[in-house]
PDB file of N, CA and C in Angstrom:
ATOM      1  N   UNK A   1       0.843  -1.171   0.000  1.00  0.00           N
ATOM      2  CA  UNK A   1       0.000   0.000   0.000  1.00  0.00           C
ATOM      3  C   UNK A   1       0.884   1.228   0.000  1.00  0.00           C
ATOM      4  N   UNK A   2       0.567   2.151  -0.830  1.00  0.00           N
ATOM      5  CA  UNK A   2       1.341   3.383  -0.871  1.00  0.00           C
ATOM      6  C   UNK A   2       0.753   4.388   0.110  1.00  0.00           C
ATOM      7  N   UNK A   3       1.538   5.395   0.430  1.00  0.00           N
ATOM      8  CA  UNK A   3       1.061   6.424   1.340  1.00  0.00           C
ATOM      9  C   UNK A   3      -0.061   7.242   0.719  1.00  0.00           C
ATOM     10  N   UNK A   4      -0.224   7.162  -0.594  1.00  0.00           N
ATOM     11  CA  UNK A   4      -1.277   7.908  -1.284  1.00  0.00           C
ATOM     12  C   UNK A   4      -2.641   7.257  -1.104  1.00  0.00           C
ATOM     13  N   UNK A   5      -2.691   5.994  -0.693  1.00  0.00           N
ATOM     14  CA  UNK A   5      -3.952   5.307  -0.487  1.00  0.00           C
ATOM     15  C   UNK A   5      -4.682   5.959   0.671  1.00  0.00           C
ATOM     16  N   UNK A   6      -5.948   6.311   0.461  1.00  0.00           N
ATOM     17  CA  UNK A   6      -6.681   6.934   1.552  1.00  0.00           C
ATOM     18  C   UNK A   6      -7.579   5.931   2.246  1.00  0.00           C
ATOM     19  N   UNK A   7      -8.066   6.298   3.422  1.00  0.00           N
ATOM     20  CA  UNK A   7      -8.862   5.368   4.205  1.00  0.00           C
ATOM     21  C   UNK A   7     -10.216   5.095   3.563  1.00  0.00           C
ATOM     22  N   UNK A   8     -10.721   5.995   2.730  1.00  0.00           N
ATOM     23  CA  UNK A   8     -11.983   5.726   2.044  1.00  0.00           C
ATOM     24  C   UNK A   8     -11.828   4.551   1.083  1.00  0.00           C
ATOM     25  N   UNK A   9     -10.696   4.475   0.394  1.00  0.00           N
ATOM     26  CA  UNK A   9     -10.421   3.353  -0.491  1.00  0.00           C
ATOM     27  C   UNK A   9     -10.227   2.078   0.320  1.00  0.00           C
ATOM     28  N   UNK A  10      -9.524   2.187   1.435  1.00  0.00           N
ATOM     29  CA  UNK A  10      -9.258   1.017   2.271  1.00  0.00           C
ATOM     30  C   UNK A  10     -10.558   0.392   2.771  1.00  0.00           C
ATOM     31  N   UNK A  11     -11.550   1.228   3.106  1.00  0.00           N
ATOM     32  CA  UNK A  11     -12.796   0.723   3.672  1.00  0.00           C
ATOM     33  C   UNK A  11     -13.611  -0.085   2.678  1.00  0.00           C
ATOM     34  N   UNK A  12     -13.280  -0.054   1.403  1.00  0.00           N
ATOM     35  CA  UNK A  12     -14.049  -0.754   0.379  1.00  0.00           C
ATOM     36  C   UNK A  12     -13.437  -2.090  -0.017  1.00  0.00           C
ATOM     37  N   UNK A  13     -12.274  -2.414   0.523  1.00  0.00           N
ATOM     38  CA  UNK A  13     -11.600  -3.649   0.121  1.00  0.00           C
ATOM     39  C   UNK A  13     -10.906  -4.282   1.307  1.00  0.00           C
ATOM     40  N   UNK A  14     -10.533  -5.546   1.146  1.00  0.00           N
ATOM     41  CA  UNK A  14      -9.769  -6.222   2.177  1.00  0.00           C
ATOM     42  C   UNK A  14      -8.352  -5.660   2.177  1.00  0.00           C
ATOM     43  N   UNK A  15      -7.788  -5.479   3.357  1.00  0.00           N
ATOM     44  CA  UNK A  15      -6.454  -4.902   3.508  1.00  0.00           C
ATOM     45  C   UNK A  15      -5.645  -5.822   4.411  1.00  0.00           C
ATOM     46  N   UNK A  16      -4.393  -6.034   4.065  1.00  0.00           N
ATOM     47  CA  UNK A  16      -3.556  -6.887   4.902  1.00  0.00           C
ATOM     48  C   UNK A  16      -3.204  -6.163   6.195  1.00  0.00           C
ATOM     49  N   UNK A  17      -2.996  -6.939   7.242  1.00  0.00           N
ATOM     50  CA  UNK A  17      -2.569  -6.369   8.517  1.00  0.00           C
ATOM     51  C   UNK A  17      -1.233  -5.649   8.343  1.00  0.00           C
ATOM     52  N   UNK A  18      -0.398  -6.187   7.488  1.00  0.00           N
ATOM     53  CA  UNK A  18       0.902  -5.568   7.230  1.00  0.00           C
ATOM     54  C   UNK A  18       0.736  -4.179   6.621  1.00  0.00           C
ATOM     55  N   UNK A  19      -0.118  -4.049   5.621  1.00  0.00           N
ATOM     56  CA  UNK A  19      -0.344  -2.749   4.982  1.00  0.00           C
ATOM     57  C   UNK A  19      -0.941  -1.746   5.969  1.00  0.00           C
ATOM     58  N   UNK A  20      -1.886  -2.203   6.785  1.00  0.00           N
ATOM     59  CA  UNK A  20      -2.480  -1.302   7.765  1.00  0.00           C
ATOM     60  C   UNK A  20      -1.452  -0.915   8.829  1.00  0.00           C
ATOM     61  N   UNK A  21      -0.628  -1.875   9.228  1.00  0.00           N
ATOM     62  CA  UNK A  21       0.433  -1.584  10.186  1.00  0.00           C
ATOM     63  C   UNK A  21       1.383  -0.523   9.662  1.00  0.00           C
ATOM     64  N   UNK A  22       1.740  -0.609   8.398  1.00  0.00           N
ATOM     65  CA  UNK A  22       2.635   0.379   7.784  1.00  0.00           C
ATOM     66  C   UNK A  22       1.944   1.746   7.722  1.00  0.00           C
ATOM     67  N   UNK A  23       0.631   1.758   7.528  1.00  0.00           N
ATOM     68  CA  UNK A  23      -0.094   3.029   7.515  1.00  0.00           C
ATOM     69  C   UNK A  23      -0.023   3.707   8.886  1.00  0.00           C
ATOM     70  N   UNK A  24      -0.115   2.913   9.949  1.00  0.00           N
ATOM     71  CA  UNK A  24      -0.027   3.469  11.302  1.00  0.00           C
ATOM     72  C   UNK A  24       1.415   3.762  11.709  1.00  0.00           C
ATOM     73  N   UNK A  25       2.352   2.967  11.225  1.00  0.00           N
ATOM     74  CA  UNK A  25       3.764   3.102  11.609  1.00  0.00           C
ATOM     75  C   UNK A  25       4.635   3.176  10.349  1.00  0.00           C
ATOM     76  N   UNK A  26       4.568   4.280   9.618  1.00  0.00           N
ATOM     77  CA  UNK A  26       5.245   4.375   8.320  1.00  0.00           C
ATOM     78  C   UNK A  26       6.771   4.299   8.379  1.00  0.00           C
ATOM     79  N   UNK A  27       7.359   4.605   9.503  1.00  0.00           N
ATOM     80  CA  UNK A  27       8.817   4.572   9.604  1.00  0.00           C
ATOM     81  C   UNK A  27       9.359   3.220  10.073  1.00  0.00           C
ATOM     82  N   UNK A  28       8.464   2.309  10.416  1.00  0.00           N
ATOM     83  CA  UNK A  28       8.878   0.990  10.906  1.00  0.00           C
ATOM     84  C   UNK A  28       9.040   0.027   9.737  1.00  0.00           C
ATOM     85  N   UNK A  29       9.826  -1.042   9.960  1.00  0.00           N
ATOM     86  CA  UNK A  29       9.913  -2.054   8.913  1.00  0.00           C
ATOM     87  C   UNK A  29       8.604  -2.843   8.884  1.00  0.00           C
ATOM     88  N   UNK A  30       8.378  -3.575   7.808  1.00  0.00           N
ATOM     89  CA  UNK A  30       7.093  -4.236   7.573  1.00  0.00           C
ATOM     90  C   UNK A  30       6.684  -5.166   8.706  1.00  0.00           C
ATOM     91  N   UNK A  31       7.607  -5.988   9.129  1.00  0.00           N
ATOM     92  CA  UNK A  31       7.291  -6.978  10.165  1.00  0.00           C
ATOM     93  C   UNK A  31       6.939  -6.297  11.489  1.00  0.00           C
ATOM     94  N   UNK A  32       7.726  -5.308  11.878  1.00  0.00           N
ATOM     95  CA  UNK A  32       7.466  -4.623  13.138  1.00  0.00           C
ATOM     96  C   UNK A  32       6.130  -3.885  13.080  1.00  0.00           C
ATOM     97  N   UNK A  33       5.840  -3.248  11.957  1.00  0.00           N
ATOM     98  CA  UNK A  33       4.584  -2.505  11.811  1.00  0.00           C
ATOM     99  C   UNK A  33       3.388  -3.435  12.009  1.00  0.00           C
ATOM    100  N   UNK A  34       3.434  -4.610  11.393  1.00  0.00           N
ATOM    101  CA  UNK A  34       2.342  -5.586  11.555  1.00  0.00           C
ATOM    102  C   UNK A  34       2.258  -6.071  12.992  1.00  0.00           C
ATOM    103  N   UNK A  35       3.393  -6.404  13.574  1.00  0.00           N
ATOM    104  CA  UNK A  35       3.402  -6.909  14.948  1.00  0.00           C
ATOM    105  C   UNK A  35       2.867  -5.873  15.929  1.00  0.00           C
ATOM    106  N   UNK A  36       3.260  -4.636  15.753  1.00  0.00           N
ATOM    107  CA  UNK A  36       2.818  -3.569  16.651  1.00  0.00           C
ATOM    108  C   UNK A  36       1.314  -3.347  16.521  1.00  0.00           C
ATOM    109  N   UNK A  37       0.809  -3.332  15.292  1.00  0.00           N
ATOM    110  CA  UNK A  37      -0.628  -3.179  15.088  1.00  0.00           C
ATOM    111  C   UNK A  37      -1.382  -4.324  15.763  1.00  0.00           C
ATOM    112  N   UNK A  38      -0.930  -5.555  15.541  1.00  0.00           N
ATOM    113  CA  UNK A  38      -1.595  -6.712  16.137  1.00  0.00           C
ATOM    114  C   UNK A  38      -1.545  -6.649  17.661  1.00  0.00           C
ATOM    115  N   UNK A  39      -0.439  -6.221  18.202  1.00  0.00           N
ATOM    116  CA  UNK A  39      -0.304  -6.089  19.654  1.00  0.00           C
ATOM    117  C   UNK A  39      -1.331  -5.090  20.199  1.00  0.00           C
ATOM    118  N   UNK A  40      -1.463  -3.960  19.534  1.00  0.00           N
ATOM    119  CA  UNK A  40      -2.422  -2.941  19.965  1.00  0.00           C
ATOM    120  C   UNK A  40      -3.852  -3.484  19.890  1.00  0.00           C
ATOM    121  N   UNK A  41      -4.175  -4.150  18.798  1.00  0.00           N
ATOM    122  CA  UNK A  41      -5.515  -4.717  18.618  1.00  0.00           C
ATOM    123  C   UNK A  41      -5.794  -5.770  19.676  1.00  0.00           C
ATOM    124  N   UNK A  42      -4.878  -6.696  19.871  1.00  0.00           N
ATOM    125  CA  UNK A  42      -5.107  -7.816  20.778  1.00  0.00           C
ATOM    126  C   UNK A  42      -5.142  -7.375  22.234  1.00  0.00           C
ATOM    127  N   UNK A  43      -4.469  -6.293  22.568  1.00  0.00           N
ATOM    128  CA  UNK A  43      -4.486  -5.785  23.945  1.00  0.00           C
ATOM    129  C   UNK A  43      -5.749  -4.971  24.251  1.00  0.00           C
ATOM    130  N   UNK A  44      -6.481  -4.597  23.232  1.00  0.00           N
ATOM    131  CA  UNK A  44      -7.712  -3.826  23.406  1.00  0.00           C
ATOM    132  C   UNK A  44      -8.883  -4.816  23.426  1.00  0.00           C
ATOM    133  N   UNK A  45      -9.276  -5.218  24.622  1.00  0.00           N
ATOM    134  CA  UNK A  45     -10.274  -6.281  24.764  1.00  0.00           C
ATOM    135  C   UNK A  45     -11.636  -5.902  24.187  1.00  0.00           C
ATOM    136  N   UNK A  46     -11.996  -4.641  24.287  1.00  0.00           N
ATOM    137  CA  UNK A  46     -13.268  -4.184  23.737  1.00  0.00           C
ATOM    138  C   UNK A  46     -13.247  -4.292  22.210  1.00  0.00           C
ATOM    139  N   UNK A  47     -12.166  -3.844  21.608  1.00  0.00           N
ATOM    140  CA  UNK A  47     -12.022  -3.937  20.154  1.00  0.00           C
ATOM    141  C   UNK A  47     -11.985  -5.394  19.713  1.00  0.00           C
ATOM    142  N   UNK A  48     -11.223  -6.207  20.413  1.00  0.00           N
ATOM    143  CA  UNK A  48     -11.130  -7.629  20.046  1.00  0.00           C
ATOM    144  C   UNK A  48     -12.497  -8.302  20.087  1.00  0.00           C
ATOM    145  N   UNK A  49     -13.291  -8.007  21.099  1.00  0.00           N
ATOM    146  CA  UNK A  49     -14.619  -8.612  21.210  1.00  0.00           C
ATOM    147  C   UNK A  49     -15.479  -8.247  19.999  1.00  0.00           C
ATOM    148  N   UNK A  50     -15.403  -6.998  19.581  1.00  0.00           N
ATOM    149  CA  UNK A  50     -16.178  -6.566  18.414  1.00  0.00           C
ATOM    150  C   UNK A  50     -15.647  -7.201  17.131  1.00  0.00           C
ATOM    151  N   UNK A  51     -14.315  -7.306  17.002  1.00  0.00           N
ATOM    152  CA  UNK A  51     -13.726  -7.909  15.808  1.00  0.00           C
ATOM    153  C   UNK A  51     -14.065  -9.389  15.695  1.00  0.00           C
ATOM    154  N   UNK A  52     -14.023 -10.098  16.812  1.00  0.00           N
ATOM    155  CA  UNK A  52     -14.319 -11.535  16.807  1.00  0.00           C
ATOM    156  C   UNK A  52     -15.741 -11.780  16.296  1.00  0.00           C
ATOM    157  N   UNK A  53     -16.665 -10.887  16.634  1.00  0.00           N
ATOM    158  CA  UNK A  53     -18.047 -11.035  16.160  1.00  0.00           C
ATOM    159  C   UNK A  53     -18.148 -10.933  14.636  1.00  0.00           C
ATOM    160  N   UNK A  54     -17.136 -10.330  14.000  1.00  0.00           N
ATOM    161  CA  UNK A  54     -17.132 -10.205  12.538  1.00  0.00           C
ATOM    162  C   UNK A  54     -16.356 -11.336  11.864  1.00  0.00           C
ATOM    163  N   UNK A  55     -15.856 -12.284  12.663  1.00  0.00           N
ATOM    164  CA  UNK A  55     -15.101 -13.395  12.107  1.00  0.00           C
ATOM    165  C   UNK A  55     -13.596 -13.226  12.177  1.00  0.00           C
ATOM    166  N   UNK A  56     -13.142 -12.201  12.877  1.00  0.00           N
ATOM    167  CA  UNK A  56     -11.698 -11.949  13.008  1.00  0.00           C
ATOM    168  C   UNK A  56     -11.029 -13.090  13.754  1.00  0.00           C
ATOM    169  N   UNK A  57      -9.845 -13.458  13.254  1.00  0.00           N
ATOM    170  CA  UNK A  57      -8.988 -14.432  13.935  1.00  0.00           C
ATOM    171  C   UNK A  57      -7.588 -13.844  14.006  1.00  0.00           C
ATOM    172  N   UNK A  58      -6.888 -14.130  15.077  1.00  0.00           N
ATOM    173  CA  UNK A  58      -5.541 -13.584  15.257  1.00  0.00           C
ATOM    174  C   UNK A  58      -4.612 -13.980  14.114  1.00  0.00           C
ATOM    175  N   UNK A  59      -4.805 -15.132  13.545  1.00  0.00           N
ATOM    176  CA  UNK A  59      -3.924 -15.624  12.480  1.00  0.00           C
ATOM    177  C   UNK A  59      -4.297 -15.101  11.090  1.00  0.00           C
ATOM    178  N   UNK A  60      -5.425 -14.427  10.978  1.00  0.00           N
ATOM    179  CA  UNK A  60      -5.849 -13.889   9.675  1.00  0.00           C
ATOM    180  C   UNK A  60      -4.823 -12.887   9.161  1.00  0.00           C
ATOM    181  N   UNK A  61      -4.585 -12.920   7.863  1.00  0.00           N
ATOM    182  CA  UNK A  61      -3.641 -11.984   7.263  1.00  0.00           C
ATOM    183  C   UNK A  61      -4.330 -10.730   6.744  1.00  0.00           C
ATOM    184  N   UNK A  62      -5.640 -10.830   6.511  1.00  0.00           N
ATOM    185  CA  UNK A  62      -6.384  -9.718   5.923  1.00  0.00           C
ATOM    186  C   UNK A  62      -7.526  -9.282   6.829  1.00  0.00           C
ATOM    187  N   UNK A  63      -7.865  -8.034   6.705  1.00  0.00           N
ATOM    188  CA  UNK A  63      -8.969  -7.456   7.459  1.00  0.00           C
ATOM    189  C   UNK A  63     -10.077  -7.076   6.486  1.00  0.00           C
ATOM    190  N   UNK A  64     -11.312  -7.391   6.869  1.00  0.00           N
ATOM    191  CA  UNK A  64     -12.456  -7.044   6.028  1.00  0.00           C
ATOM    192  C   UNK A  64     -12.778  -5.555   6.179  1.00  0.00           C
ATOM    193  N   UNK A  65     -13.584  -5.021   5.267  1.00  0.00           N
ATOM    194  CA  UNK A  65     -13.978  -3.612   5.393  1.00  0.00           C
ATOM    195  C   UNK A  65     -14.654  -3.288   6.734  1.00  0.00           C
ATOM    196  N   UNK A  66     -15.469  -4.191   7.234  1.00  0.00           N
ATOM    197  CA  UNK A  66     -16.133  -3.952   8.534  1.00  0.00           C
ATOM    198  C   UNK A  66     -15.103  -3.960   9.651  1.00  0.00           C
ATOM    199  N   UNK A  67     -14.148  -4.873   9.593  1.00  0.00           N
ATOM    200  CA  UNK A  67     -13.103  -4.919  10.613  1.00  0.00           C
ATOM    201  C   UNK A  67     -12.263  -3.639  10.582  1.00  0.00           C
ATOM    202  N   UNK A  68     -11.959  -3.163   9.383  1.00  0.00           N
ATOM    203  CA  UNK A  68     -11.218  -1.905   9.253  1.00  0.00           C
ATOM    204  C   UNK A  68     -11.983  -0.757   9.895  1.00  0.00           C
ATOM    205  N   UNK A  69     -13.271  -0.696   9.644  1.00  0.00           N
ATOM    206  CA  UNK A  69     -14.084   0.382  10.210  1.00  0.00           C
ATOM    207  C   UNK A  69     -14.050   0.332  11.743  1.00  0.00           C
ATOM    208  N   UNK A  70     -14.136  -0.861  12.316  1.00  0.00           N
ATOM    209  CA  UNK A  70     -14.070  -0.993  13.771  1.00  0.00           C
ATOM    210  C   UNK A  70     -12.717  -0.526  14.304  1.00  0.00           C
ATOM    211  N   UNK A  71     -11.652  -0.872  13.598  1.00  0.00           N
ATOM    212  CA  UNK A  71     -10.320  -0.444  14.002  1.00  0.00           C
ATOM    213  C   UNK A  71     -10.195   1.081  13.900  1.00  0.00           C
ATOM    214  N   UNK A  72     -10.690   1.657  12.820  1.00  0.00           N
ATOM    215  CA  UNK A  72     -10.640   3.110  12.654  1.00  0.00           C
ATOM    216  C   UNK A  72     -11.438   3.821  13.744  1.00  0.00           C
ATOM    217  N   UNK A  73     -12.605   3.269  14.097  1.00  0.00           N
ATOM    218  CA  UNK A  73     -13.424   3.864  15.158  1.00  0.00           C
ATOM    219  C   UNK A  73     -12.677   3.883  16.489  1.00  0.00           C
ATOM    220  N   UNK A  74     -11.929   2.822  16.749  1.00  0.00           N
ATOM    221  CA  UNK A  74     -11.258   2.686  18.052  1.00  0.00           C
ATOM    222  C   UNK A  74      -9.895   3.384  18.076  1.00  0.00           C
ATOM    223  N   UNK A  75      -9.122   3.257  17.003  1.00  0.00           N
ATOM    224  CA  UNK A  75      -7.749   3.777  16.998  1.00  0.00           C
ATOM    225  C   UNK A  75      -7.607   5.098  16.246  1.00  0.00           C
ATOM    226  N   UNK A  76      -8.619   5.455  15.489  1.00  0.00           N
ATOM    227  CA  UNK A  76      -8.507   6.614  14.617  1.00  0.00           C
ATOM    228  C   UNK A  76      -7.922   6.183  13.286  1.00  0.00           C
ATOM    229  N   UNK A  77      -8.097   7.029  12.292  1.00  0.00           N
ATOM    230  CA  UNK A  77      -7.547   6.719  10.963  1.00  0.00           C
ATOM    231  C   UNK A  77      -6.050   7.008  10.968  1.00  0.00           C
ATOM    232  N   UNK A  78      -5.290   6.182  10.258  1.00  0.00           N
ATOM    233  CA  UNK A  78      -3.821   6.350  10.293  1.00  0.00           C
ATOM    234  C   UNK A  78      -3.323   7.571   9.556  1.00  0.00           C
ATOM    235  N   UNK A  79      -4.112   8.164   8.667  1.00  0.00           N
ATOM    236  CA  UNK A  79      -3.685   9.355   7.936  1.00  0.00           C
ATOM    237  C   UNK A  79      -4.867  10.195   7.570  1.00  0.00           C
TER     238      UNK A  79
END
């Protein structure tokens, strides 16, 4: 995902956790960005409960548009 991608486009398609992690942590390497995003999500029990209801699994590589919206509501948009 390039930095030019906006969150309106992201909300219409599946996005990898890695790409979303890079959006939140643009100066981090790919692996760290994904790990940090997952850590934040998994430590937020309220967010996790809502994500699980949408079919979210910790091992999933991609996030659905609904899952992205829940993350944006809780963490704010990355840009």
